[in-house]
Amino acid sequence: MDATSIFIIIFATVTAIAFKVILYKRIQKWMDQDLIKGLADGNEEKLTFLQQQYQQLVDAKVQRKHLHDQLTELSEQFEQKG
């Protein structure tokens, strides 16, 4: 194999991995947004609140496995306040 063939193989592999990572991250974000919309149940005020809390949790680097539980708890707390 010559250098061009090796370059093409490496480039294709790196591009495929990058695509999969980007797609995986987007799917995670879509799932999170879908959860937030479901928890808001059509209430715009609650939707805004949960989106703000979601961004704070992401900024605080909360582990993914705890993110949905905390959003659910925040949703219940919002209902109790209202």
C-alpha atoms as a PDB file:
ATOM      1  CA  MET A   1       0.000   0.000   0.000  1.00  0.00           C
ATOM      2  CA  ASP A   2       1.196   3.439  -0.806  1.00  0.00           C
ATOM      3  CA  ALA A   3       0.922   6.597   1.291  1.00  0.00           C
ATOM      4  CA  THR A   4      -2.198   7.793  -0.524  1.00  0.00           C
ATOM      5  CA  SER A   5      -4.118   4.603   0.279  1.00  0.00           C
ATOM      6  CA  ILE A   6      -3.111   4.773   3.929  1.00  0.00           C
ATOM      7  CA  PHE A   7      -4.131   8.439   4.103  1.00  0.00           C
ATOM      8  CA  ILE A   8      -7.543   7.674   2.582  1.00  0.00           C
ATOM      9  CA  ILE A   9      -8.146   4.829   5.048  1.00  0.00           C
ATOM     10  CA  ILE A  10      -7.121   6.938   8.043  1.00  0.00           C
ATOM     11  CA  PHE A  11      -9.152   9.935   6.859  1.00  0.00           C
ATOM     12  CA  ALA A  12     -12.267   7.821   6.255  1.00  0.00           C
ATOM     13  CA  THR A  13     -11.954   6.143   9.656  1.00  0.00           C
ATOM     14  CA  VAL A  14     -11.469   9.402  11.561  1.00  0.00           C
ATOM     15  CA  THR A  15     -14.357  11.025   9.690  1.00  0.00           C
ATOM     16  CA  ALA A  16     -16.667   8.080  10.420  1.00  0.00           C
ATOM     17  CA  ILE A  17     -15.806   8.115  14.126  1.00  0.00           C
ATOM     18  CA  ALA A  18     -16.317  11.880  14.320  1.00  0.00           C
ATOM     19  CA  PHE A  19     -19.694  11.546  12.581  1.00  0.00           C
ATOM     20  CA  LYS A  20     -20.819   8.854  15.014  1.00  0.00           C
ATOM     21  CA  VAL A  21     -19.764  10.919  18.038  1.00  0.00           C
ATOM     22  CA  ILE A  22     -21.544  14.028  16.753  1.00  0.00           C
ATOM     23  CA  LEU A  23     -24.676  12.055  15.922  1.00  0.00           C
ATOM     24  CA  TYR A  24     -24.630  10.368  19.347  1.00  0.00           C
ATOM     25  CA  LYS A  25     -24.353  13.738  21.121  1.00  0.00           C
ATOM     26  CA  ARG A  26     -27.219  15.193  19.072  1.00  0.00           C
ATOM     27  CA  ILE A  27     -29.444  12.221  19.802  1.00  0.00           C
ATOM     28  CA  GLN A  28     -28.721  12.648  23.524  1.00  0.00           C
ATOM     29  CA  LYS A  29     -29.677  16.327  23.312  1.00  0.00           C
ATOM     30  CA  TRP A  30     -32.881  15.477  21.411  1.00  0.00           C
ATOM     31  CA  MET A  31     -33.788  12.932  24.090  1.00  0.00           C
ATOM     32  CA  ASP A  32     -33.162  15.497  26.832  1.00  0.00           C
ATOM     33  CA  GLN A  33     -35.291  18.118  25.071  1.00  0.00           C
ATOM     34  CA  ASP A  34     -38.048  15.563  24.534  1.00  0.00           C
ATOM     35  CA  LEU A  35     -37.982  14.721  28.255  1.00  0.00           C
ATOM     36  CA  ILE A  36     -38.157  18.410  29.164  1.00  0.00           C
ATOM     37  CA  LYS A  37     -41.133  18.963  26.842  1.00  0.00           C
ATOM     38  CA  GLY A  38     -42.856  15.915  28.294  1.00  0.00           C
ATOM     39  CA  LEU A  39     -42.289  17.069  31.852  1.00  0.00           C
ATOM     40  CA  ALA A  40     -43.510  20.580  31.021  1.00  0.00           C
ATOM     41  CA  ASP A  41     -46.783  19.110  29.736  1.00  0.00           C
ATOM     42  CA  GLY A  42     -47.601  22.179  27.622  1.00  0.00           C
ATOM     43  CA  ASN A  43     -46.873  24.710  30.379  1.00  0.00           C
ATOM     44  CA  GLU A  44     -44.619  27.374  28.829  1.00  0.00           C
ATOM     45  CA  GLU A  45     -43.446  28.711  32.197  1.00  0.00           C
ATOM     46  CA  LYS A  46     -42.455  25.234  33.344  1.00  0.00           C
ATOM     47  CA  LEU A  47     -40.768  24.553  29.984  1.00  0.00           C
ATOM     48  CA  THR A  48     -38.636  27.676  30.321  1.00  0.00           C
ATOM     49  CA  PHE A  49     -37.784  26.802  33.924  1.00  0.00           C
ATOM     50  CA  LEU A  50     -36.758  23.239  33.024  1.00  0.00           C
ATOM     51  CA  GLN A  51     -34.658  24.390  30.066  1.00  0.00           C
ATOM     52  CA  GLN A  52     -32.810  26.827  32.314  1.00  0.00           C
ATOM     53  CA  GLN A  53     -32.263  24.148  34.930  1.00  0.00           C
ATOM     54  CA  TYR A  54     -31.110  21.712  32.241  1.00  0.00           C
ATOM     55  CA  GLN A  55     -28.502  24.195  31.049  1.00  0.00           C
ATOM     56  CA  GLN A  56     -27.298  24.728  34.624  1.00  0.00           C
ATOM     57  CA  LEU A  57     -27.009  20.973  35.141  1.00  0.00           C
ATOM     58  CA  VAL A  58     -25.051  20.609  31.911  1.00  0.00           C
ATOM     59  CA  ASP A  59     -22.777  23.503  32.867  1.00  0.00           C
ATOM     60  CA  ALA A  60     -22.228  21.866  36.270  1.00  0.00           C
ATOM     61  CA  LYS A  61     -21.236  18.681  34.402  1.00  0.00           C
ATOM     62  CA  VAL A  62     -23.805  16.492  36.124  1.00  0.00           C
ATOM     63  CA  GLN A  63     -23.370  12.883  35.052  1.00  0.00           C
ATOM     64  CA  ARG A  64     -25.776  11.779  32.363  1.00  0.00           C
ATOM     65  CA  LYS A  65     -27.207   8.967  34.472  1.00  0.00           C
ATOM     66  CA  HIS A  66     -28.332  11.529  37.102  1.00  0.00           C
ATOM     67  CA  LEU A  67     -29.527  14.219  34.689  1.00  0.00           C
ATOM     68  CA  HIS A  68     -32.996  12.795  33.988  1.00  0.00           C
ATOM     69  CA  ASP A  69     -33.653  12.050  37.659  1.00  0.00           C
ATOM     70  CA  GLN A  70     -32.765  15.601  38.648  1.00  0.00           C
ATOM     71  CA  LEU A  71     -34.937  17.068  35.895  1.00  0.00           C
ATOM     72  CA  THR A  72     -37.847  14.956  37.098  1.00  0.00           C
ATOM     73  CA  GLU A  73     -37.295  16.135  40.678  1.00  0.00           C
ATOM     74  CA  LEU A  74     -37.117  19.762  39.539  1.00  0.00           C
ATOM     75  CA  SER A  75     -40.361  19.293  37.641  1.00  0.00           C
ATOM     76  CA  GLU A  76     -42.083  17.960  40.763  1.00  0.00           C
ATOM     77  CA  GLN A  77     -40.691  20.847  42.834  1.00  0.00           C
ATOM     78  CA  PHE A  78     -42.030  23.328  40.278  1.00  0.00           C
ATOM     79  CA  GLU A  79     -45.492  21.756  40.574  1.00  0.00           C
ATOM     80  CA  GLN A  80     -45.391  21.977  44.375  1.00  0.00           C
ATOM     81  CA  LYS A  81     -44.483  25.676  44.263  1.00  0.00           C
ATOM     82  CA  GLY A  82     -47.253  26.484  41.801  1.00  0.00           C
END
